[in-house]
């Protein structure tokens, strides 16, 4: 192979700048959120109510009683959540993988990938908890009686009012459940995505491209939804509470839901969650990889 032929191949092996890695993660998550946000609204509505409600009935209720635009209530919080949580967790995960490539031979095994994903997820979740709290409240607000609604104007109004009315520490309410969920989500989503992508490419001989990214993402999204749903329901219930006193912990809330509503209630809202996580996983990871490819092709 000539030096001329080797140059393009060398570009794909060069590490991406850390600043670009984090920026790419945030942009990928925010674009994906704009597409799947209605599923966040539906998921949160189902999870905060103790009575049973179907996917279709919640969609119909929102559309009839509140109008189409309510499917995008809390979008500003969703975007800020991606700008914080996804930027940090996907940025750290990508940087850890880059560090491995530069310092070790071969691909990291599933255990190492899981450790990377758990570390990235827990840090990202802590940073993103205030936006997560605002998102839960803003998307669930419409189901409350008018006199009980919080009526936050946008995510920044939510931050200001929560800090003023309930104390600044309330912005991190449910952070333990959020971080627990994030560890499960990231191990399921990021580590299984990397592993699924490798297995599909080697066993099914699928070439690198959108088809491979899509297949790995859909499998990753399903496993992520199933594994993380109990934490997601618990987190949503805690963050939607109207109280300035002591809030229940993750384990006590999880046990309370299972005892009073049945174990299956911990998977309440499974399908709208998958309809959000599946496409969001696909879009985030595909967009992330495509932006990285464009950067390598035209900038490096």
Protein backbone atom coordinates (compact mmCIF):
# COMPACT_ATOMS: atom_id res chain seq x y z
CA UNK A 1 0.00 0.00 0.00
CA UNK A 2 1.38 3.42 -0.97
CA UNK A 3 1.69 6.33 1.45
CA UNK A 4 -1.08 8.04 -0.50
CA UNK A 5 -3.47 5.10 0.04
CA UNK A 6 -2.55 4.84 3.71
CA UNK A 7 -3.42 8.46 4.50
CA UNK A 8 -7.25 8.08 4.27
CA UNK A 9 -7.11 4.95 6.44
CA UNK A 10 -4.98 6.76 9.00
CA UNK A 11 -7.65 9.48 9.33
CA UNK A 12 -10.19 6.96 10.66
CA UNK A 13 -7.78 5.82 13.38
CA UNK A 14 -6.99 9.29 14.69
CA UNK A 15 -8.57 10.18 18.06
CA UNK A 16 -11.29 12.82 17.97
CA UNK A 17 -10.73 16.00 20.05
CA UNK A 18 -12.45 15.74 23.48
CA UNK A 19 -14.33 19.03 22.95
CA UNK A 20 -15.79 17.71 19.68
CA UNK A 21 -16.71 14.37 21.32
CA UNK A 22 -18.80 16.12 23.99
CA UNK A 23 -20.37 18.60 21.55
CA UNK A 24 -21.28 15.77 19.18
CA UNK A 25 -22.92 13.83 22.03
CA UNK A 26 -25.11 16.78 23.02
CA UNK A 27 -26.17 17.61 19.45
CA UNK A 28 -27.02 13.96 18.73
CA UNK A 29 -29.21 13.66 21.83
CA UNK A 30 -31.00 16.97 21.28
CA UNK A 31 -31.88 16.22 17.65
CA UNK A 32 -33.18 12.77 18.63
CA UNK A 33 -35.26 14.29 21.48
CA UNK A 34 -37.09 16.63 19.11
CA UNK A 35 -38.38 13.55 17.27
CA UNK A 36 -39.35 11.32 20.22
CA UNK A 37 -40.48 13.91 22.80
CA UNK A 38 -44.23 13.02 22.55
CA UNK A 39 -43.36 9.55 23.87
CA UNK A 40 -41.77 11.17 26.93
CA UNK A 41 -45.04 13.00 27.63
CA UNK A 42 -47.12 9.82 27.24
CA UNK A 43 -44.68 7.71 29.29
CA UNK A 44 -44.62 10.16 32.19
CA UNK A 45 -48.41 10.53 32.20
CA UNK A 46 -48.85 6.75 32.46
CA UNK A 47 -46.17 6.36 35.14
CA UNK A 48 -47.42 9.04 37.54
CA UNK A 49 -50.96 7.69 37.77
CA UNK A 50 -51.73 4.73 39.99
CA UNK A 51 -54.78 3.61 38.03
CA UNK A 52 -54.33 1.57 34.87
CA UNK A 53 -54.21 3.41 31.56
CA UNK A 54 -53.43 2.14 28.08
CA UNK A 55 -51.06 3.71 25.59
CA UNK A 56 -53.97 4.57 23.25
CA UNK A 57 -56.24 6.00 25.97
CA UNK A 58 -53.56 8.41 27.18
CA UNK A 59 -52.87 9.61 23.63
CA UNK A 60 -56.61 10.13 23.06
CA UNK A 61 -57.07 11.93 26.38
CA UNK A 62 -54.20 14.37 25.75
CA UNK A 63 -55.35 15.10 22.20
CA UNK A 64 -59.03 15.60 23.11
CA UNK A 65 -58.60 17.55 26.34
CA UNK A 66 -55.40 19.50 25.81
CA UNK A 67 -54.65 19.63 22.10
CA UNK A 68 -51.86 18.38 19.84
CA UNK A 69 -49.23 20.83 21.09
CA UNK A 70 -49.39 19.26 24.58
CA UNK A 71 -47.45 16.32 23.15
CA UNK A 72 -44.51 18.75 23.11
CA UNK A 73 -45.02 20.18 26.61
CA UNK A 74 -41.72 20.29 28.45
CA UNK A 75 -39.65 20.17 25.24
CA UNK A 76 -37.33 22.87 26.58
CA UNK A 77 -36.60 20.66 29.62
CA UNK A 78 -36.05 17.69 27.33
CA UNK A 79 -33.51 19.62 25.28
CA UNK A 80 -31.68 20.92 28.37
CA UNK A 81 -31.67 17.35 29.73
CA UNK A 82 -29.97 16.14 26.54
CA UNK A 83 -27.57 19.11 26.57
CA UNK A 84 -26.46 18.07 30.08
CA UNK A 85 -27.10 14.35 30.60
CA UNK A 86 -26.39 13.04 27.08
CA UNK A 87 -23.46 15.41 26.50
CA UNK A 88 -21.75 14.18 29.67
CA UNK A 89 -22.61 10.48 29.58
CA UNK A 90 -21.99 9.86 25.85
CA UNK A 91 -19.01 12.21 25.81
CA UNK A 92 -17.34 10.45 28.76
CA UNK A 93 -18.15 7.01 27.31
CA UNK A 94 -16.64 7.91 23.93
CA UNK A 95 -13.56 9.39 25.63
CA UNK A 96 -13.08 6.24 27.70
CA UNK A 97 -13.24 4.13 24.54
CA UNK A 98 -10.77 6.48 22.85
CA UNK A 99 -8.43 6.11 25.83
CA UNK A 100 -8.67 2.31 25.54
CA UNK A 101 -7.89 2.39 21.81
CA UNK A 102 -4.81 4.55 22.41
CA UNK A 103 -3.41 2.50 25.31
CA UNK A 104 -4.49 -1.13 24.84
CA UNK A 105 -4.51 -3.73 22.08
CA UNK A 106 -7.83 -5.16 20.90
CA UNK A 107 -11.43 -4.30 21.75
CA UNK A 108 -12.50 -3.99 25.41
CA UNK A 109 -14.58 -6.94 26.63
CA UNK A 110 -18.19 -6.63 27.79
CA UNK A 111 -17.18 -6.18 31.44
CA UNK A 112 -14.93 -3.23 30.61
CA UNK A 113 -17.60 -1.72 28.36
CA UNK A 114 -20.14 -2.07 31.18
CA UNK A 115 -17.82 -0.36 33.65
CA UNK A 116 -17.24 2.51 31.19
CA UNK A 117 -20.99 2.83 30.59
CA UNK A 118 -21.88 2.76 34.31
CA UNK A 119 -19.30 5.43 35.14
CA UNK A 120 -20.42 7.69 32.28
CA UNK A 121 -24.12 7.19 33.05
CA UNK A 122 -23.98 7.92 36.76
CA UNK A 123 -21.98 11.14 36.28
CA UNK A 124 -24.22 12.28 33.43
CA UNK A 125 -27.38 11.52 35.43
CA UNK A 126 -26.26 13.60 38.40
CA UNK A 127 -25.51 16.55 36.13
CA UNK A 128 -28.82 16.15 34.31
CA UNK A 129 -31.13 15.56 37.31
CA UNK A 130 -32.47 19.17 37.52
CA UNK A 131 -33.57 19.04 33.87
CA UNK A 132 -34.99 15.53 34.42
CA UNK A 133 -37.03 16.80 37.38
CA UNK A 134 -38.37 19.74 35.34
CA UNK A 135 -39.16 17.40 32.42
CA UNK A 136 -41.20 15.01 34.59
CA UNK A 137 -43.20 17.84 36.15
CA UNK A 138 -43.82 19.73 32.92
CA UNK A 139 -44.94 16.67 30.96
CA UNK A 140 -47.21 15.41 33.79
CA UNK A 141 -48.72 18.81 34.65
CA UNK A 142 -51.65 18.52 32.26
CA UNK A 143 -53.23 15.59 34.09
CA UNK A 144 -53.58 17.56 37.34
CA UNK A 145 -56.66 19.67 38.17
CA UNK A 146 -56.17 23.26 36.97
CA UNK A 147 -55.78 24.65 40.48
CA UNK A 148 -52.97 22.18 41.26
CA UNK A 149 -50.93 22.67 38.10
CA UNK A 150 -47.47 24.16 38.40
CA UNK A 151 -47.66 25.89 34.99
CA UNK A 152 -43.94 26.33 34.50
CA UNK A 153 -43.35 28.61 31.49
CA UNK A 154 -40.15 26.84 30.43
CA UNK A 155 -37.31 24.86 31.93
CA UNK A 156 -35.53 27.94 33.30
CA UNK A 157 -38.72 29.17 34.95
CA UNK A 158 -39.04 25.68 36.47
CA UNK A 159 -35.49 25.83 37.86
CA UNK A 160 -36.07 29.27 39.38
CA UNK A 161 -39.44 28.44 40.94
CA UNK A 162 -38.36 25.06 42.30
CA UNK A 163 -35.30 26.60 43.95
CA UNK A 164 -37.35 29.49 45.36
CA UNK A 165 -40.44 27.56 46.50
CA UNK A 166 -38.93 24.21 47.54
CA UNK A 167 -35.22 24.87 48.01
CA UNK A 168 -32.28 24.48 45.62
CA UNK A 169 -31.56 20.92 46.76
CA UNK A 170 -34.99 19.88 45.44
CA UNK A 171 -33.53 20.21 41.94
CA UNK A 172 -31.65 17.00 42.71
CA UNK A 173 -34.69 15.16 44.11
CA UNK A 174 -34.66 11.57 42.94
CA UNK A 175 -30.98 11.80 41.92
CA UNK A 176 -30.24 8.37 43.47
CA UNK A 177 -33.02 6.73 41.43
CA UNK A 178 -31.98 8.73 38.36
CA UNK A 179 -28.36 7.63 38.72
CA UNK A 180 -29.41 4.02 39.37
CA UNK A 181 -31.55 4.11 36.24
CA UNK A 182 -28.71 5.71 34.27
CA UNK A 183 -26.25 2.97 35.26
CA UNK A 184 -28.72 0.32 34.04
CA UNK A 185 -29.60 2.34 30.92
CA UNK A 186 -25.99 2.92 29.95
CA UNK A 187 -24.86 -0.64 30.53
CA UNK A 188 -27.88 -1.86 28.55
CA UNK A 189 -27.71 0.81 25.86
CA UNK A 190 -24.08 1.72 25.28
CA UNK A 191 -22.32 -1.50 26.22
CA UNK A 192 -24.85 -3.77 24.48
CA UNK A 193 -24.85 -1.46 21.45
CA UNK A 194 -21.09 -1.78 21.08
CA UNK A 195 -21.24 -5.54 21.65
CA UNK A 196 -24.27 -6.04 19.37
CA UNK A 197 -22.64 -3.99 16.65
CA UNK A 198 -19.47 -6.11 16.85
CA UNK A 199 -21.38 -9.43 16.83
CA UNK A 200 -23.71 -8.44 13.97
CA UNK A 201 -20.75 -7.23 11.91
CA UNK A 202 -18.65 -10.36 12.51
CA UNK A 203 -21.32 -13.10 12.63
CA UNK A 204 -23.76 -11.76 10.03
CA UNK A 205 -21.04 -10.02 7.99
CA UNK A 206 -23.00 -6.78 7.88
CA UNK A 207 -20.81 -3.93 6.63
CA UNK A 208 -20.25 -0.70 8.56
CA UNK A 209 -23.07 1.73 7.87
CA UNK A 210 -26.55 2.88 8.87
CA UNK A 211 -28.01 -0.64 8.52
CA UNK A 212 -25.55 -2.01 11.08
CA UNK A 213 -26.08 0.97 13.42
CA UNK A 214 -29.88 0.61 13.17
CA UNK A 215 -29.90 -3.15 13.92
CA UNK A 216 -27.59 -2.80 16.91
CA UNK A 217 -29.54 0.21 18.23
CA UNK A 218 -32.96 -1.49 18.10
CA UNK A 219 -31.69 -4.51 20.03
CA UNK A 220 -29.96 -2.23 22.51
CA UNK A 221 -33.12 -0.12 22.92
CA UNK A 222 -35.31 -3.11 23.80
CA UNK A 223 -32.90 -4.43 26.42
CA UNK A 224 -32.49 -0.92 27.83
CA UNK A 225 -36.24 -0.44 28.25
CA UNK A 226 -36.82 -3.78 29.95
CA UNK A 227 -33.88 -3.46 32.35
CA UNK A 228 -34.39 0.18 33.32
CA UNK A 229 -38.19 0.45 33.55
CA UNK A 230 -38.54 -0.21 37.34
CA UNK A 231 -35.99 2.54 38.04
CA UNK A 232 -37.71 4.85 35.56
CA UNK A 233 -41.15 4.43 37.16
CA UNK A 234 -39.66 4.95 40.63
CA UNK A 235 -37.74 8.06 39.54
CA UNK A 236 -40.81 9.58 37.88
CA UNK A 237 -42.99 9.06 40.98
CA UNK A 238 -40.41 10.60 43.33
CA UNK A 239 -39.77 13.63 41.12
CA UNK A 240 -43.47 14.36 40.62
CA UNK A 241 -44.20 14.49 44.38
CA UNK A 242 -45.61 17.74 45.78
CA UNK A 243 -43.84 18.03 49.12
CA UNK A 244 -41.21 20.14 50.80
CA UNK A 245 -40.60 17.51 53.46
CA UNK A 246 -38.59 14.31 53.37
CA UNK A 247 -39.11 12.31 50.19
CA UNK A 248 -39.05 8.50 50.05
CA UNK A 249 -35.85 6.80 48.90
CA UNK A 250 -35.52 4.76 45.74
CA UNK A 251 -35.85 1.34 47.44
CA UNK A 252 -38.82 2.34 49.62
CA UNK A 253 -40.70 3.87 46.67
CA UNK A 254 -39.97 0.85 44.48
CA UNK A 255 -41.21 -1.50 47.22
CA UNK A 256 -44.29 0.66 47.81
CA UNK A 257 -45.29 0.56 44.13
CA UNK A 258 -44.79 -3.22 43.95
CA UNK A 259 -46.81 -3.77 47.15
CA UNK A 260 -49.76 -1.47 46.42
CA UNK A 261 -50.04 -1.86 42.64
CA UNK A 262 -48.35 -5.18 41.90
CA UNK A 263 -44.89 -6.02 40.57
CA UNK A 264 -45.96 -5.47 36.96
CA UNK A 265 -46.65 -1.80 37.79
CA UNK A 266 -42.87 -1.37 37.80
CA UNK A 267 -43.01 -1.87 34.04
CA UNK A 268 -45.87 0.60 33.60
CA UNK A 269 -45.51 2.56 30.38
CA UNK A 270 -43.18 -0.06 28.84
CA UNK A 271 -44.28 0.42 25.23
CA UNK A 272 -44.24 4.22 25.12
CA UNK A 273 -40.86 4.02 26.86
CA UNK A 274 -39.56 1.63 24.18
CA UNK A 275 -41.15 3.78 21.47
CA UNK A 276 -39.05 6.59 22.95
CA UNK A 277 -35.85 4.75 23.89
CA UNK A 278 -35.73 2.56 20.75
CA UNK A 279 -35.91 5.41 18.20
CA UNK A 280 -33.94 7.74 20.50
CA UNK A 281 -31.15 5.16 20.78
CA UNK A 282 -31.19 4.63 17.01
CA UNK A 283 -31.21 8.34 16.18
CA UNK A 284 -28.69 9.40 18.85
CA UNK A 285 -26.10 6.75 18.03
CA UNK A 286 -26.55 6.97 14.25
CA UNK A 287 -26.35 10.79 14.29
CA UNK A 288 -23.36 10.60 16.66
CA UNK A 289 -21.47 8.23 14.37
CA UNK A 290 -22.40 10.10 11.18
CA UNK A 291 -21.24 13.46 12.59
CA UNK A 292 -17.99 11.81 13.71
CA UNK A 293 -17.51 10.35 10.21
CA UNK A 294 -18.13 13.76 8.60
CA UNK A 295 -15.59 15.33 10.98
CA UNK A 296 -12.99 12.70 10.14
CA UNK A 297 -13.62 13.04 6.39
CA UNK A 298 -13.59 16.83 6.10
CA UNK A 299 -11.74 18.20 9.13
CA UNK A 300 -9.00 15.77 10.15
